[in-house]
Amino acid sequence: KYPLATMVRLSLDSVTGFSRAPLKLATWFGLGGFLL
């Protein structure tokens, strides 16, 4: 009862629910793009 779509959703919930790293990654991408 855990198809690939469910596993992906669980992974997204895990990342966005327990870490601000993706937000920080977005910030660094934005800063790097601005400097470039």
ModelCIF file with pLDDT and N, C-alpha, C, O atoms, coordinates in Angstrom:
data_MODEL
#
_entry.id   MODEL 
#
_entity.id                         1 
_entity.type                       polymer 
_entity.pdbx_number_of_molecules   1 
#
_entity_poly.entity_id                      1 
_entity_poly.type                           'polypeptide(L)' 
_entity_poly.nstd_linkage                   no 
_entity_poly.nstd_monomer                   no 
_entity_poly.pdbx_seq_one_letter_code       KYPLATMVRLSLDSVTGFSRAPLKLATWFGLGGFLL 
_entity_poly.pdbx_seq_one_letter_code_can   KYPLATMVRLSLDSVTGFSRAPLKLATWFGLGGFLL 
_entity_poly.pdbx_strand_id                 A 
#
loop_
_entity_poly_seq.entity_id 
_entity_poly_seq.num 
_entity_poly_seq.mon_id 
_entity_poly_seq.hetero 
1 1  LYS n 
1 2  TYR n 
1 3  PRO n 
1 4  LEU n 
1 5  ALA n 
1 6  THR n 
1 7  MET n 
1 8  VAL n 
1 9  ARG n 
1 10 LEU n 
1 11 SER n 
1 12 LEU n 
1 13 ASP n 
1 14 SER n 
1 15 VAL n 
1 16 THR n 
1 17 GLY n 
1 18 PHE n 
1 19 SER n 
1 20 ARG n 
1 21 ALA n 
1 22 PRO n 
1 23 LEU n 
1 24 LYS n 
1 25 LEU n 
1 26 ALA n 
1 27 THR n 
1 28 TRP n 
1 29 PHE n 
1 30 GLY n 
1 31 LEU n 
1 32 GLY n 
1 33 GLY n 
1 34 PHE n 
1 35 LEU n 
1 36 LEU n 
#
_struct_asym.id          A 
_struct_asym.entity_id   1 
#
loop_
_ma_qa_metric.id 
_ma_qa_metric.mode 
_ma_qa_metric.name 
_ma_qa_metric.software_group_id 
_ma_qa_metric.type 
1 global pLDDT . pLDDT 
2 local  pLDDT . pLDDT 
#
_ma_qa_metric_global.metric_id      1 
_ma_qa_metric_global.metric_value   60.58 
_ma_qa_metric_global.model_id       1 
_ma_qa_metric_global.ordinal_id     1 
#
loop_
_ma_qa_metric_local.label_asym_id 
_ma_qa_metric_local.label_comp_id 
_ma_qa_metric_local.label_seq_id 
_ma_qa_metric_local.metric_id 
_ma_qa_metric_local.metric_value 
_ma_qa_metric_local.model_id 
_ma_qa_metric_local.ordinal_id 
A LYS 1  2 58.00 1 1  
A TYR 2  2 58.00 1 2  
A PRO 3  2 57.00 1 3  
A LEU 4  2 54.00 1 4  
A ALA 5  2 60.00 1 5  
A THR 6  2 58.00 1 6  
A MET 7  2 60.00 1 7  
A VAL 8  2 59.00 1 8  
A ARG 9  2 61.00 1 9  
A LEU 10 2 58.00 1 10 
A SER 11 2 57.00 1 11 
A LEU 12 2 61.00 1 12 
A ASP 13 2 60.00 1 13 
A SER 14 2 55.00 1 14 
A VAL 15 2 60.00 1 15 
A THR 16 2 57.00 1 16 
A GLY 17 2 58.00 1 17 
A PHE 18 2 58.00 1 18 
A SER 19 2 58.00 1 19 
A ARG 20 2 59.00 1 20 
A ALA 21 2 60.00 1 21 
A PRO 22 2 64.00 1 22 
A LEU 23 2 62.00 1 23 
A LYS 24 2 62.00 1 24 
A LEU 25 2 65.00 1 25 
A ALA 26 2 64.00 1 26 
A THR 27 2 61.00 1 27 
A TRP 28 2 65.00 1 28 
A PHE 29 2 67.00 1 29 
A GLY 30 2 63.00 1 30 
A LEU 31 2 61.00 1 31 
A GLY 32 2 66.00 1 32 
A GLY 33 2 62.00 1 33 
A PHE 34 2 61.00 1 34 
A LEU 35 2 66.00 1 35 
A LEU 36 2 66.00 1 36 
#
loop_
_atom_site.group_PDB 
_atom_site.id 
_atom_site.type_symbol 
_atom_site.label_atom_id 
_atom_site.label_alt_id 
_atom_site.label_comp_id 
_atom_site.label_asym_id 
_atom_site.label_entity_id 
_atom_site.label_seq_id 
_atom_site.pdbx_PDB_ins_code 
_atom_site.Cartn_x 
_atom_site.Cartn_y 
_atom_site.Cartn_z 
_atom_site.occupancy 
_atom_site.B_iso_or_equiv 
_atom_site.pdbx_formal_charge 
_atom_site.auth_seq_id 
_atom_site.auth_comp_id 
_atom_site.auth_asym_id 
_atom_site.auth_atom_id 
_atom_site.pdbx_PDB_model_num 
ATOM 1   N N  . LYS A 1 1  ? 0.833  -1.204 0.000   1.00 58.00 ? 1  LYS A N  1 
ATOM 2   C CA . LYS A 1 1  ? 0.000  0.000  0.000   1.00 58.00 ? 1  LYS A CA 1 
ATOM 3   C C  . LYS A 1 1  ? 0.867  1.253  0.000   1.00 58.00 ? 1  LYS A C  1 
ATOM 4   O O  . LYS A 1 1  ? 0.402  2.352  0.304   1.00 58.00 ? 1  LYS A O  1 
ATOM 5   N N  . TYR A 1 2  ? 2.155  1.062  -0.353  1.00 58.00 ? 2  TYR A N  1 
ATOM 6   C CA . TYR A 1 2  ? 3.089  2.185  -0.415  1.00 58.00 ? 2  TYR A CA 1 
ATOM 7   C C  . TYR A 1 2  ? 3.661  2.284  -1.825  1.00 58.00 ? 2  TYR A C  1 
ATOM 8   O O  . TYR A 1 2  ? 4.826  1.947  -2.037  1.00 58.00 ? 2  TYR A O  1 
ATOM 9   N N  . PRO A 1 3  ? 2.861  2.745  -2.802  1.00 57.00 ? 3  PRO A N  1 
ATOM 10  C CA . PRO A 1 3  ? 3.390  2.915  -4.160  1.00 57.00 ? 3  PRO A CA 1 
ATOM 11  C C  . PRO A 1 3  ? 4.385  4.062  -4.207  1.00 57.00 ? 3  PRO A C  1 
ATOM 12  O O  . PRO A 1 3  ? 4.587  4.777  -3.226  1.00 57.00 ? 3  PRO A O  1 
ATOM 13  N N  . LEU A 1 4  ? 5.010  4.221  -5.389  1.00 54.00 ? 4  LEU A N  1 
ATOM 14  C CA . LEU A 1 4  ? 6.052  5.234  -5.538  1.00 54.00 ? 4  LEU A CA 1 
ATOM 15  C C  . LEU A 1 4  ? 5.531  6.629  -5.219  1.00 54.00 ? 4  LEU A C  1 
ATOM 16  O O  . LEU A 1 4  ? 6.230  7.415  -4.580  1.00 54.00 ? 4  LEU A O  1 
ATOM 17  N N  . ALA A 1 5  ? 4.295  6.952  -5.660  1.00 60.00 ? 5  ALA A N  1 
ATOM 18  C CA . ALA A 1 5  ? 3.740  8.288  -5.409  1.00 60.00 ? 5  ALA A CA 1 
ATOM 19  C C  . ALA A 1 5  ? 3.613  8.560  -3.916  1.00 60.00 ? 5  ALA A C  1 
ATOM 20  O O  . ALA A 1 5  ? 3.889  9.670  -3.462  1.00 60.00 ? 5  ALA A O  1 
ATOM 21  N N  . THR A 1 6  ? 3.195  7.553  -3.148  1.00 58.00 ? 6  THR A N  1 
ATOM 22  C CA . THR A 1 6  ? 3.062  7.711  -1.700  1.00 58.00 ? 6  THR A CA 1 
ATOM 23  C C  . THR A 1 6  ? 4.427  7.888  -1.046  1.00 58.00 ? 6  THR A C  1 
ATOM 24  O O  . THR A 1 6  ? 4.579  8.688  -0.123  1.00 58.00 ? 6  THR A O  1 
ATOM 25  N N  . MET A 1 7  ? 5.417  7.142  -1.525  1.00 60.00 ? 7  MET A N  1 
ATOM 26  C CA . MET A 1 7  ? 6.765  7.273  -0.982  1.00 60.00 ? 7  MET A CA 1 
ATOM 27  C C  . MET A 1 7  ? 7.327  8.668  -1.245  1.00 60.00 ? 7  MET A C  1 
ATOM 28  O O  . MET A 1 7  ? 7.988  9.250  -0.384  1.00 60.00 ? 7  MET A O  1 
ATOM 29  N N  . VAL A 1 8  ? 7.059  9.204  -2.443  1.00 59.00 ? 8  VAL A N  1 
ATOM 30  C CA . VAL A 1 8  ? 7.531  10.556 -2.759  1.00 59.00 ? 8  VAL A CA 1 
ATOM 31  C C  . VAL A 1 8  ? 6.854  11.579 -1.865  1.00 59.00 ? 8  VAL A C  1 
ATOM 32  O O  . VAL A 1 8  ? 7.500  12.503 -1.371  1.00 59.00 ? 8  VAL A O  1 
ATOM 33  N N  . ARG A 1 9  ? 5.548  11.416 -1.655  1.00 61.00 ? 9  ARG A N  1 
ATOM 34  C CA . ARG A 1 9  ? 4.813  12.346 -0.793  1.00 61.00 ? 9  ARG A CA 1 
ATOM 35  C C  . ARG A 1 9  ? 5.338  12.282 0.639   1.00 61.00 ? 9  ARG A C  1 
ATOM 36  O O  . ARG A 1 9  ? 5.490  13.314 1.293   1.00 61.00 ? 9  ARG A O  1 
ATOM 37  N N  . LEU A 1 10 ? 5.612  11.086 1.122   1.00 58.00 ? 10 LEU A N  1 
ATOM 38  C CA . LEU A 1 10 ? 6.162  10.928 2.459   1.00 58.00 ? 10 LEU A CA 1 
ATOM 39  C C  . LEU A 1 10 ? 7.525  11.598 2.565   1.00 58.00 ? 10 LEU A C  1 
ATOM 40  O O  . LEU A 1 10 ? 7.828  12.229 3.578   1.00 58.00 ? 10 LEU A O  1 
ATOM 41  N N  . SER A 1 11 ? 8.345  11.467 1.533   1.00 57.00 ? 11 SER A N  1 
ATOM 42  C CA . SER A 1 11 ? 9.660  12.098 1.542   1.00 57.00 ? 11 SER A CA 1 
ATOM 43  C C  . SER A 1 11 ? 9.545  13.616 1.572   1.00 57.00 ? 11 SER A C  1 
ATOM 44  O O  . SER A 1 11 ? 10.286 14.286 2.292   1.00 57.00 ? 11 SER A O  1 
ATOM 45  N N  . LEU A 1 12 ? 8.611  14.161 0.783   1.00 61.00 ? 12 LEU A N  1 
ATOM 46  C CA . LEU A 1 12 ? 8.412  15.612 0.779   1.00 61.00 ? 12 LEU A CA 1 
ATOM 47  C C  . LEU A 1 12 ? 7.926  16.107 2.135   1.00 61.00 ? 12 LEU A C  1 
ATOM 48  O O  . LEU A 1 12 ? 8.387  17.136 2.629   1.00 61.00 ? 12 LEU A O  1 
ATOM 49  N N  . ASP A 1 13 ? 6.983  15.362 2.740   1.00 60.00 ? 13 ASP A N  1 
ATOM 50  C CA . ASP A 1 13 ? 6.515  15.730 4.076   1.00 60.00 ? 13 ASP A CA 1 
ATOM 51  C C  . ASP A 1 13 ? 7.649  15.661 5.091   1.00 60.00 ? 13 ASP A C  1 
ATOM 52  O O  . ASP A 1 13 ? 7.733  16.485 6.002   1.00 60.00 ? 13 ASP A O  1 
ATOM 53  N N  . SER A 1 14 ? 8.522  14.668 4.924   1.00 55.00 ? 14 SER A N  1 
ATOM 54  C CA . SER A 1 14 ? 9.647  14.522 5.848   1.00 55.00 ? 14 SER A CA 1 
ATOM 55  C C  . SER A 1 14 ? 10.594 15.709 5.742   1.00 55.00 ? 14 SER A C  1 
ATOM 56  O O  . SER A 1 14 ? 11.019 16.267 6.754   1.00 55.00 ? 14 SER A O  1 
ATOM 57  N N  . VAL A 1 15 ? 10.921 16.091 4.508   1.00 60.00 ? 15 VAL A N  1 
ATOM 58  C CA . VAL A 1 15 ? 11.873 17.183 4.297   1.00 60.00 ? 15 VAL A CA 1 
ATOM 59  C C  . VAL A 1 15 ? 11.292 18.513 4.752   1.00 60.00 ? 15 VAL A C  1 
ATOM 60  O O  . VAL A 1 15 ? 11.923 19.241 5.519   1.00 60.00 ? 15 VAL A O  1 
ATOM 61  N N  . THR A 1 16 ? 10.085 18.832 4.279   1.00 57.00 ? 16 THR A N  1 
ATOM 62  C CA . THR A 1 16 ? 9.502  20.137 4.597   1.00 57.00 ? 16 THR A CA 1 
ATOM 63  C C  . THR A 1 16 ? 9.001  20.217 6.024   1.00 57.00 ? 16 THR A C  1 
ATOM 64  O O  . THR A 1 16 ? 8.849  21.311 6.567   1.00 57.00 ? 16 THR A O  1 
ATOM 65  N N  . GLY A 1 17 ? 8.741  19.061 6.643   1.00 58.00 ? 17 GLY A N  1 
ATOM 66  C CA . GLY A 1 17 ? 8.235  19.083 8.014   1.00 58.00 ? 17 GLY A CA 1 
ATOM 67  C C  . GLY A 1 17 ? 9.322  19.137 9.070   1.00 58.00 ? 17 GLY A C  1 
ATOM 68  O O  . GLY A 1 17 ? 9.043  19.487 10.217  1.00 58.00 ? 17 GLY A O  1 
ATOM 69  N N  . PHE A 1 18 ? 10.562 18.797 8.710   1.00 58.00 ? 18 PHE A N  1 
ATOM 70  C CA . PHE A 1 18 ? 11.583 18.674 9.740   1.00 58.00 ? 18 PHE A CA 1 
ATOM 71  C C  . PHE A 1 18 ? 12.879 19.391 9.434   1.00 58.00 ? 18 PHE A C  1 
ATOM 72  O O  . PHE A 1 18 ? 13.844 19.266 10.188  1.00 58.00 ? 18 PHE A O  1 
ATOM 73  N N  . SER A 1 19 ? 12.923 20.132 8.356   1.00 58.00 ? 19 SER A N  1 
ATOM 74  C CA . SER A 1 19 ? 14.172 20.810 8.051   1.00 58.00 ? 19 SER A CA 1 
ATOM 75  C C  . SER A 1 19 ? 13.906 22.105 7.289   1.00 58.00 ? 19 SER A C  1 
ATOM 76  O O  . SER A 1 19 ? 13.041 22.164 6.416   1.00 58.00 ? 19 SER A O  1 
ATOM 77  N N  . ARG A 1 20 ? 14.667 23.137 7.637   1.00 59.00 ? 20 ARG A N  1 
ATOM 78  C CA . ARG A 1 20 ? 14.618 24.390 6.896   1.00 59.00 ? 20 ARG A CA 1 
ATOM 79  C C  . ARG A 1 20 ? 15.722 24.449 5.836   1.00 59.00 ? 20 ARG A C  1 
ATOM 80  O O  . ARG A 1 20 ? 15.926 25.480 5.197   1.00 59.00 ? 20 ARG A O  1 
ATOM 81  N N  . ALA A 1 21 ? 16.426 23.336 5.661   1.00 60.00 ? 21 ALA A N  1 
ATOM 82  C CA . ALA A 1 21 ? 17.533 23.318 4.700   1.00 60.00 ? 21 ALA A CA 1 
ATOM 83  C C  . ALA A 1 21 ? 17.088 23.674 3.282   1.00 60.00 ? 21 ALA A C  1 
ATOM 84  O O  . ALA A 1 21 ? 17.791 24.430 2.611   1.00 60.00 ? 21 ALA A O  1 
ATOM 85  N N  . PRO A 1 22 ? 15.934 23.156 2.787   1.00 64.00 ? 22 PRO A N  1 
ATOM 86  C CA . PRO A 1 22 ? 15.539 23.566 1.431   1.00 64.00 ? 22 PRO A CA 1 
ATOM 87  C C  . PRO A 1 22 ? 15.304 25.069 1.307   1.00 64.00 ? 22 PRO A C  1 
ATOM 88  O O  . PRO A 1 22 ? 15.620 25.665 0.277   1.00 64.00 ? 22 PRO A O  1 
ATOM 89  N N  . LEU A 1 23 ? 14.749 25.684 2.359   1.00 62.00 ? 23 LEU A N  1 
ATOM 90  C CA . LEU A 1 23 ? 14.572 27.133 2.318   1.00 62.00 ? 23 LEU A CA 1 
ATOM 91  C C  . LEU A 1 23 ? 15.923 27.835 2.248   1.00 62.00 ? 23 LEU A C  1 
ATOM 92  O O  . LEU A 1 23 ? 16.096 28.798 1.502   1.00 62.00 ? 23 LEU A O  1 
ATOM 93  N N  . LYS A 1 24 ? 16.868 27.346 3.027   1.00 62.00 ? 24 LYS A N  1 
ATOM 94  C CA . LYS A 1 24 ? 18.208 27.935 2.996   1.00 62.00 ? 24 LYS A CA 1 
ATOM 95  C C  . LYS A 1 24 ? 18.854 27.706 1.632   1.00 62.00 ? 24 LYS A C  1 
ATOM 96  O O  . LYS A 1 24 ? 19.565 28.568 1.116   1.00 62.00 ? 24 LYS A O  1 
ATOM 97  N N  . LEU A 1 25 ? 18.595 26.529 1.058   1.00 65.00 ? 25 LEU A N  1 
ATOM 98  C CA . LEU A 1 25 ? 19.127 26.237 -0.263  1.00 65.00 ? 25 LEU A CA 1 
ATOM 99  C C  . LEU A 1 25 ? 18.564 27.214 -1.294  1.00 65.00 ? 25 LEU A C  1 
ATOM 100 O O  . LEU A 1 25 ? 19.293 27.702 -2.157  1.00 65.00 ? 25 LEU A O  1 
ATOM 101 N N  . ALA A 1 26 ? 17.270 27.494 -1.200  1.00 64.00 ? 26 ALA A N  1 
ATOM 102 C CA . ALA A 1 26 ? 16.658 28.459 -2.104  1.00 64.00 ? 26 ALA A CA 1 
ATOM 103 C C  . ALA A 1 26 ? 17.286 29.844 -1.935  1.00 64.00 ? 26 ALA A C  1 
ATOM 104 O O  . ALA A 1 26 ? 17.512 30.561 -2.909  1.00 64.00 ? 26 ALA A O  1 
ATOM 105 N N  . THR A 1 27 ? 17.561 30.199 -0.689  1.00 61.00 ? 27 THR A N  1 
ATOM 106 C CA . THR A 1 27 ? 18.188 31.500 -0.430  1.00 61.00 ? 27 THR A CA 1 
ATOM 107 C C  . THR A 1 27 ? 19.576 31.568 -1.052  1.00 61.00 ? 27 THR A C  1 
ATOM 108 O O  . THR A 1 27 ? 19.936 32.572 -1.667  1.00 61.00 ? 27 THR A O  1 
ATOM 109 N N  . TRP A 1 28 ? 20.359 30.495 -0.892  1.00 65.00 ? 28 TRP A N  1 
ATOM 110 C CA . TRP A 1 28 ? 21.709 30.490 -1.463  1.00 65.00 ? 28 TRP A CA 1 
ATOM 111 C C  . TRP A 1 28 ? 21.678 30.472 -2.988  1.00 65.00 ? 28 TRP A C  1 
ATOM 112 O O  . TRP A 1 28 ? 22.514 31.103 -3.635  1.00 65.00 ? 28 TRP A O  1 
ATOM 113 N N  . PHE A 1 29 ? 20.719 29.753 -3.561  1.00 67.00 ? 29 PHE A N  1 
ATOM 114 C CA . PHE A 1 29 ? 20.559 29.789 -5.018  1.00 67.00 ? 29 PHE A CA 1 
ATOM 115 C C  . PHE A 1 29 ? 20.255 31.206 -5.495  1.00 67.00 ? 29 PHE A C  1 
ATOM 116 O O  . PHE A 1 29 ? 20.828 31.686 -6.473  1.00 67.00 ? 29 PHE A O  1 
ATOM 117 N N  . GLY A 1 30 ? 19.338 31.865 -4.781  1.00 63.00 ? 30 GLY A N  1 
ATOM 118 C CA . GLY A 1 30 ? 18.988 33.226 -5.156  1.00 63.00 ? 30 GLY A CA 1 
ATOM 119 C C  . GLY A 1 30 ? 20.163 34.170 -5.044  1.00 63.00 ? 30 GLY A C  1 
ATOM 120 O O  . GLY A 1 30 ? 20.378 34.999 -5.928  1.00 63.00 ? 30 GLY A O  1 
ATOM 121 N N  . LEU A 1 31 ? 20.935 34.058 -3.962  1.00 61.00 ? 31 LEU A N  1 
ATOM 122 C CA . LEU A 1 31 ? 22.104 34.916 -3.767  1.00 61.00 ? 31 LEU A CA 1 
ATOM 123 C C  . LEU A 1 31 ? 23.165 34.636 -4.829  1.00 61.00 ? 31 LEU A C  1 
ATOM 124 O O  . LEU A 1 31 ? 23.755 35.557 -5.393  1.00 61.00 ? 31 LEU A O  1 
ATOM 125 N N  . GLY A 1 32 ? 23.398 33.345 -5.093  1.00 66.00 ? 32 GLY A N  1 
ATOM 126 C CA . GLY A 1 32 ? 24.382 32.988 -6.108  1.00 66.00 ? 32 GLY A CA 1 
ATOM 127 C C  . GLY A 1 32 ? 23.982 33.477 -7.491  1.00 66.00 ? 32 GLY A C  1 
ATOM 128 O O  . GLY A 1 32 ? 24.813 33.972 -8.252  1.00 66.00 ? 32 GLY A O  1 
ATOM 129 N N  . GLY A 1 33 ? 22.691 33.333 -7.810  1.00 62.00 ? 33 GLY A N  1 
ATOM 130 C CA . GLY A 1 33 ? 22.211 33.824 -9.094  1.00 62.00 ? 33 GLY A CA 1 
ATOM 131 C C  . GLY A 1 33 ? 22.346 35.334 -9.224  1.00 62.00 ? 33 GLY A C  1 
ATOM 132 O O  . GLY A 1 33 ? 22.680 35.839 -10.295 1.00 62.00 ? 33 GLY A O  1 
ATOM 133 N N  . PHE A 1 34 ? 22.087 36.056 -8.136  1.00 61.00 ? 34 PHE A N  1 
ATOM 134 C CA . PHE A 1 34 ? 22.220 37.516 -8.150  1.00 61.00 ? 34 PHE A CA 1 
ATOM 135 C C  . PHE A 1 34 ? 23.674 37.931 -8.397  1.00 61.00 ? 34 PHE A C  1 
ATOM 136 O O  . PHE A 1 34 ? 23.940 38.811 -9.215  1.00 61.00 ? 34 PHE A O  1 
ATOM 137 N N  . LEU A 1 35 ? 24.610 37.294 -7.688  1.00 66.00 ? 35 LEU A N  1 
ATOM 138 C CA . LEU A 1 35 ? 26.023 37.629 -7.859  1.00 66.00 ? 35 LEU A CA 1 
ATOM 139 C C  . LEU A 1 35 ? 26.503 37.300 -9.271  1.00 66.00 ? 35 LEU A C  1 
ATOM 140 O O  . LEU A 1 35 ? 27.268 38.055 -9.869  1.00 66.00 ? 35 LEU A O  1 
ATOM 141 N N  . LEU A 1 36 ? 26.041 36.156 -9.797  1.00 66.00 ? 36 LEU A N  1 
ATOM 142 C CA . LEU A 1 36 ? 26.425 35.780 -11.153 1.00 66.00 ? 36 LEU A CA 1 
ATOM 143 C C  . LEU A 1 36 ? 25.851 36.765 -12.167 1.00 66.00 ? 36 LEU A C  1 
ATOM 144 O O  . LEU A 1 36 ? 26.069 36.611 -13.369 1.00 66.00 ? 36 LEU A O  1 
#
